[in-house]
């Protein structure tokens, strides 16, 4: 009986030992399987580092209006707005445009006075209507027209002198022409009618002055005007003829041109 009991204990010990060996083997196998999985995971993350990154999309930006009271969208014209430099108050220097304009005006008036004062009288004779014009040498004669009715003279500074003759085919009287010429001026400051001639002074509109002279005058000033017209017989033909002198000039030069007007009035178209 004692030997059977010993054999039974040995048998159970063997069974338990086998079960332990099997359990340990299972645990070892499981450990090895887990280790292989970890090794594969590590090797895969090392070989493909991109797999560790997560792509995050940027949030969508919503259109927002600028804060404030502006209800409208900003205009594209704001992109073209000029960028003004900042002003350094310690180095501010302003250009007085009024003073510059006045200086330029004074220089022009001085030049007109000097040119007229240094001139001598020149003579223009028209052999169609048989009249003579005495004018200062500071004027330059222009080209003669095809019909040879007169001539134009330019001094510069917007001052133009014109003389022309015509036949009195309509038998118009001196007074009729005198009244009509006064009406054509925008403003008459002086007028006088003699027995054979008349004189008109004043201002004409710029459009008329441009057509007659081709000069561009500043819109800021009016155009001064002086005219002397005479009616007489044409030598040897027995037909009355008109001779008219016209002077156009900037109104700012009135004082400087006054002596020129006196010269033209004294030496021309006197009967």
Protein backbone atom coordinates (compact mmCIF):
# COMPACT_ATOMS: atom_id res chain seq x y z
CA UNK A 1 0.00 0.00 0.00
CA UNK A 2 2.81 2.27 0.78
CA UNK A 3 4.42 1.70 -2.58
CA UNK A 4 1.16 2.44 -4.43
CA UNK A 5 0.82 5.71 -2.59
CA UNK A 6 4.35 6.70 -3.50
CA UNK A 7 3.70 5.85 -7.17
CA UNK A 8 0.55 7.92 -7.14
CA UNK A 9 2.34 10.93 -5.71
CA UNK A 10 5.05 10.58 -8.34
CA UNK A 11 2.41 10.42 -11.05
CA UNK A 12 0.65 13.58 -9.87
CA UNK A 13 3.97 15.34 -9.54
CA UNK A 14 4.79 14.35 -13.10
CA UNK A 15 1.40 15.59 -14.31
CA UNK A 16 1.76 18.86 -12.45
CA UNK A 17 5.31 19.26 -13.78
CA UNK A 18 4.16 18.67 -17.31
CA UNK A 19 1.38 21.17 -16.91
CA UNK A 20 3.85 23.68 -15.55
CA UNK A 21 6.21 23.10 -18.43
CA UNK A 22 3.32 23.52 -20.88
CA UNK A 23 2.21 26.73 -19.16
CA UNK A 24 5.70 28.14 -19.15
CA UNK A 25 6.09 27.24 -22.82
CA UNK A 26 2.80 28.97 -23.60
CA UNK A 27 3.83 32.06 -21.73
CA UNK A 28 7.19 32.12 -23.47
CA UNK A 29 5.50 31.69 -26.84
CA UNK A 30 3.08 34.47 -26.06
CA UNK A 31 5.95 36.67 -24.89
CA UNK A 32 7.87 35.97 -28.05
CA UNK A 33 4.77 36.74 -30.18
CA UNK A 34 4.27 40.07 -28.37
CA UNK A 35 7.96 40.90 -28.76
CA UNK A 36 7.80 40.16 -32.49
CA UNK A 37 4.78 42.44 -32.82
CA UNK A 38 6.50 45.27 -30.96
CA UNK A 39 9.65 44.76 -33.07
CA UNK A 40 7.59 44.96 -36.27
CA UNK A 41 5.80 48.09 -35.09
CA UNK A 42 9.06 49.79 -34.19
CA UNK A 43 10.69 48.78 -37.45
CA UNK A 44 7.68 49.98 -39.48
CA UNK A 45 7.64 53.38 -37.71
CA UNK A 46 11.37 53.76 -38.29
CA UNK A 47 11.18 52.89 -41.97
CA UNK A 48 8.16 55.12 -42.71
CA UNK A 49 8.38 58.26 -40.57
CA UNK A 50 5.60 59.84 -42.61
CA UNK A 51 3.13 57.53 -40.99
CA UNK A 52 3.72 59.32 -37.67
CA UNK A 53 2.48 62.68 -38.98
CA UNK A 54 -1.12 63.74 -39.07
CA UNK A 55 -2.24 66.20 -41.80
CA UNK A 56 -4.32 69.01 -40.36
CA UNK A 57 -6.32 71.17 -42.78
CA UNK A 58 -6.30 74.96 -42.32
CA UNK A 59 -9.55 76.45 -41.03
CA UNK A 60 -11.63 78.29 -43.59
CA UNK A 61 -11.46 82.07 -43.32
CA UNK A 62 -14.81 83.81 -43.33
CA UNK A 63 -15.24 87.19 -45.05
CA UNK A 64 -15.59 89.77 -42.37
CA UNK A 65 -16.42 93.45 -42.85
CA UNK A 66 -14.14 96.00 -41.24
CA UNK A 67 -15.26 97.20 -37.87
CA UNK A 68 -16.80 100.63 -37.71
CA UNK A 69 -19.67 102.34 -39.43
CA UNK A 70 -18.64 101.30 -42.95
CA UNK A 71 -21.45 99.26 -44.49
CA UNK A 72 -19.99 99.02 -47.98
CA UNK A 73 -17.11 96.94 -49.14
CA UNK A 74 -13.85 98.87 -49.53
CA UNK A 75 -13.50 100.24 -53.06
CA UNK A 76 -10.78 99.12 -55.45
CA UNK A 77 -9.97 102.79 -55.95
CA UNK A 78 -8.37 102.77 -52.49
CA UNK A 79 -5.55 100.68 -53.91
CA UNK A 80 -4.72 103.51 -56.33
CA UNK A 81 -4.79 106.22 -53.69
CA UNK A 82 -1.56 108.24 -53.65
CA UNK A 83 0.78 107.78 -50.73
CA UNK A 84 1.63 111.18 -49.35
CA UNK A 85 4.97 111.70 -47.64
CA UNK A 86 4.97 112.65 -44.03
CA UNK A 87 5.70 116.27 -43.19
CA UNK A 88 8.68 117.05 -41.04
CA UNK A 89 7.58 120.15 -39.19
CA UNK A 90 11.18 121.09 -38.51
CA UNK A 91 11.98 121.34 -42.24
CA UNK A 92 8.78 122.68 -43.73
CA UNK A 93 9.22 125.00 -46.75
CA UNK A 94 6.24 126.24 -48.74
CA UNK A 95 6.19 127.70 -52.25
CA UNK A 96 3.98 130.76 -52.45
CA UNK A 97 2.39 130.26 -55.88
CA UNK A 98 0.71 133.66 -55.70
CA UNK A 99 4.07 135.33 -55.29
CA UNK A 100 5.55 133.29 -58.15
CA UNK A 101 2.67 134.23 -60.48
CA UNK A 102 3.03 137.88 -59.52
CA UNK A 103 6.75 137.73 -60.19
CA UNK A 104 6.20 136.18 -63.62
CA UNK A 105 3.59 138.82 -64.40
CA UNK A 106 5.97 141.61 -63.36
CA UNK A 107 8.69 140.14 -65.57
CA UNK A 108 6.33 140.06 -68.55
CA UNK A 109 5.20 143.63 -68.01
CA UNK A 110 8.79 144.77 -67.66
CA UNK A 111 9.73 142.99 -70.88
CA UNK A 112 6.81 144.60 -72.75
CA UNK A 113 7.81 148.07 -71.54
CA UNK A 114 11.47 147.60 -72.44
CA UNK A 115 10.75 146.24 -75.90
CA UNK A 116 8.36 149.05 -76.74
CA UNK A 117 10.70 151.71 -75.35
CA UNK A 118 13.62 150.41 -77.38
CA UNK A 119 11.72 150.22 -80.67
CA UNK A 120 11.70 152.50 -83.66
CA UNK A 121 8.87 153.02 -86.13
CA UNK A 122 8.65 150.80 -89.18
CA UNK A 123 6.50 151.35 -92.26
CA UNK A 124 4.10 148.97 -93.93
CA UNK A 125 2.49 150.04 -97.17
CA UNK A 126 -0.44 148.34 -98.86
CA UNK A 127 -0.48 148.91 -102.63
CA UNK A 128 -4.00 147.54 -103.11
CA UNK A 129 -5.91 149.90 -100.83
CA UNK A 130 -3.19 152.52 -100.70
CA UNK A 131 -2.67 152.98 -96.99
CA UNK A 132 0.37 153.12 -94.73
CA UNK A 133 0.81 151.72 -91.22
CA UNK A 134 3.53 152.87 -88.84
CA UNK A 135 4.27 150.28 -86.15
CA UNK A 136 7.07 149.59 -83.60
CA UNK A 137 9.99 147.47 -84.71
CA UNK A 138 9.43 145.03 -81.82
CA UNK A 139 6.53 143.62 -83.87
CA UNK A 140 7.28 141.04 -86.53
CA UNK A 141 5.23 141.05 -89.73
CA UNK A 142 3.50 137.83 -90.64
CA UNK A 143 2.98 136.35 -94.11
CA UNK A 144 0.96 138.43 -96.59
CA UNK A 145 -2.49 137.06 -97.43
CA UNK A 146 -3.31 136.00 -100.99
CA UNK A 147 -5.79 138.83 -101.51
CA UNK A 148 -3.27 141.40 -100.21
CA UNK A 149 -5.83 143.17 -98.05
CA UNK A 150 -3.50 143.79 -95.11
CA UNK A 151 -1.04 142.17 -92.71
CA UNK A 152 -0.68 140.88 -89.17
CA UNK A 153 2.11 141.69 -86.70
CA UNK A 154 3.11 139.90 -83.51
CA UNK A 155 5.11 141.26 -80.61
CA UNK A 156 4.92 138.26 -78.36
CA UNK A 157 3.44 138.20 -74.84
CA UNK A 158 0.00 137.73 -76.45
CA UNK A 159 0.06 141.14 -78.20
CA UNK A 160 -1.10 141.11 -81.83
CA UNK A 161 -1.60 143.99 -84.28
CA UNK A 162 -3.67 143.62 -87.47
CA UNK A 163 -4.46 146.05 -90.28
CA UNK A 164 -6.74 145.42 -93.25
CA UNK A 165 -8.58 147.30 -96.00
CA UNK A 166 -11.77 146.59 -97.88
CA UNK A 167 -14.04 148.28 -100.44
CA UNK A 168 -17.28 149.83 -99.21
CA UNK A 169 -19.40 147.94 -101.70
CA UNK A 170 -22.49 148.02 -99.44
CA UNK A 171 -22.24 151.82 -99.19
CA UNK A 172 -22.33 151.64 -95.42
CA UNK A 173 -21.93 154.92 -93.56
CA UNK A 174 -19.25 155.61 -90.98
CA UNK A 175 -21.85 155.85 -88.23
CA UNK A 176 -23.45 152.53 -89.15
CA UNK A 177 -20.12 150.73 -88.99
CA UNK A 178 -19.25 152.55 -85.76
CA UNK A 179 -22.45 151.43 -84.01
CA UNK A 180 -22.10 147.83 -85.22
CA UNK A 181 -18.48 147.51 -84.08
CA UNK A 182 -19.37 148.75 -80.63
CA UNK A 183 -22.08 146.11 -80.36
CA UNK A 184 -19.63 143.36 -81.27
CA UNK A 185 -17.42 144.08 -78.25
CA UNK A 186 -18.23 142.42 -74.94
CA UNK A 187 -17.37 145.64 -73.12
CA UNK A 188 -16.63 149.16 -74.40
CA UNK A 189 -14.50 151.42 -72.18
CA UNK A 190 -13.86 154.22 -74.68
CA UNK A 191 -15.29 155.30 -78.02
CA UNK A 192 -14.99 158.35 -80.22
CA UNK A 193 -16.26 159.15 -83.71
CA UNK A 194 -14.77 161.85 -85.90
CA UNK A 195 -15.67 163.03 -89.36
CA UNK A 196 -13.74 160.34 -91.25
CA UNK A 197 -12.73 157.85 -88.56
CA UNK A 198 -13.69 156.42 -85.17
CA UNK A 199 -11.90 154.77 -82.24
CA UNK A 200 -13.21 152.01 -79.96
CA UNK A 201 -11.46 150.50 -76.93
CA UNK A 202 -12.57 147.84 -74.48
CA UNK A 203 -12.54 144.07 -74.09
CA UNK A 204 -13.47 141.27 -76.47
CA UNK A 205 -14.32 137.67 -75.70
CA UNK A 206 -11.53 135.13 -75.83
CA UNK A 207 -13.12 133.07 -78.59
CA UNK A 208 -13.15 136.05 -80.96
CA UNK A 209 -9.57 136.92 -80.04
CA UNK A 210 -8.46 133.35 -80.70
CA UNK A 211 -10.13 133.29 -84.13
CA UNK A 212 -8.66 136.66 -85.10
CA UNK A 213 -5.14 136.16 -83.75
CA UNK A 214 -4.62 132.46 -83.14
CA UNK A 215 -3.33 133.30 -79.65
CA UNK A 216 -4.30 131.28 -76.58
CA UNK A 217 -5.10 133.64 -73.73
CA UNK A 218 -5.37 132.68 -70.09
CA UNK A 219 -8.93 132.10 -68.93
CA UNK A 220 -8.12 134.08 -65.80
CA UNK A 221 -7.86 137.40 -67.66
CA UNK A 222 -9.79 139.23 -70.33
CA UNK A 223 -8.47 140.30 -73.73
CA UNK A 224 -7.91 143.99 -74.24
CA UNK A 225 -8.97 145.49 -77.57
CA UNK A 226 -8.32 148.72 -79.42
CA UNK A 227 -9.58 149.62 -82.89
CA UNK A 228 -9.29 152.55 -85.25
CA UNK A 229 -11.28 152.62 -88.49
CA UNK A 230 -11.27 155.21 -91.27
CA UNK A 231 -13.47 155.65 -94.35
CA UNK A 232 -12.08 157.43 -97.41
CA UNK A 233 -11.77 157.33 -101.17
CA UNK A 234 -9.36 154.98 -102.83
CA UNK A 235 -6.86 156.98 -104.92
CA UNK A 236 -7.67 157.02 -108.64
CA UNK A 237 -10.64 154.63 -108.36
CA UNK A 238 -13.38 156.82 -106.96
CA UNK A 239 -14.54 154.01 -104.63
CA UNK A 240 -14.74 154.39 -100.85
CA UNK A 241 -12.58 152.01 -98.88
CA UNK A 242 -12.35 151.00 -95.24
CA UNK A 243 -9.05 150.72 -93.37
CA UNK A 244 -9.10 149.24 -89.87
CA UNK A 245 -6.34 148.75 -87.29
CA UNK A 246 -7.00 146.26 -84.49
CA UNK A 247 -4.83 145.62 -81.45
CA UNK A 248 -5.31 142.59 -79.15
CA UNK A 249 -3.44 142.29 -75.85
CA UNK A 250 -3.76 140.75 -72.37
CA UNK A 251 -5.69 143.08 -70.11
CA UNK A 252 -2.92 142.85 -67.51
CA UNK A 253 -0.66 144.72 -69.97
CA UNK A 254 -3.04 147.67 -70.37
CA UNK A 255 -0.74 150.20 -68.75
CA UNK A 256 2.29 149.11 -70.76
CA UNK A 257 0.32 149.03 -74.03
CA UNK A 258 -1.19 152.49 -73.47
CA UNK A 259 1.81 154.30 -75.00
CA UNK A 260 1.65 151.95 -78.00
CA UNK A 261 -2.02 152.84 -78.50
CA UNK A 262 -1.16 156.54 -78.39
CA UNK A 263 1.47 156.00 -81.09
CA UNK A 264 -0.88 154.02 -83.34
CA UNK A 265 -3.64 156.58 -82.90
CA UNK A 266 -1.40 159.58 -83.60
CA UNK A 267 0.44 158.44 -86.70
CA UNK A 268 -2.13 156.30 -88.50
CA UNK A 269 -5.40 156.92 -90.38
CA UNK A 270 -5.53 160.67 -89.81
CA UNK A 271 -7.39 162.86 -92.32
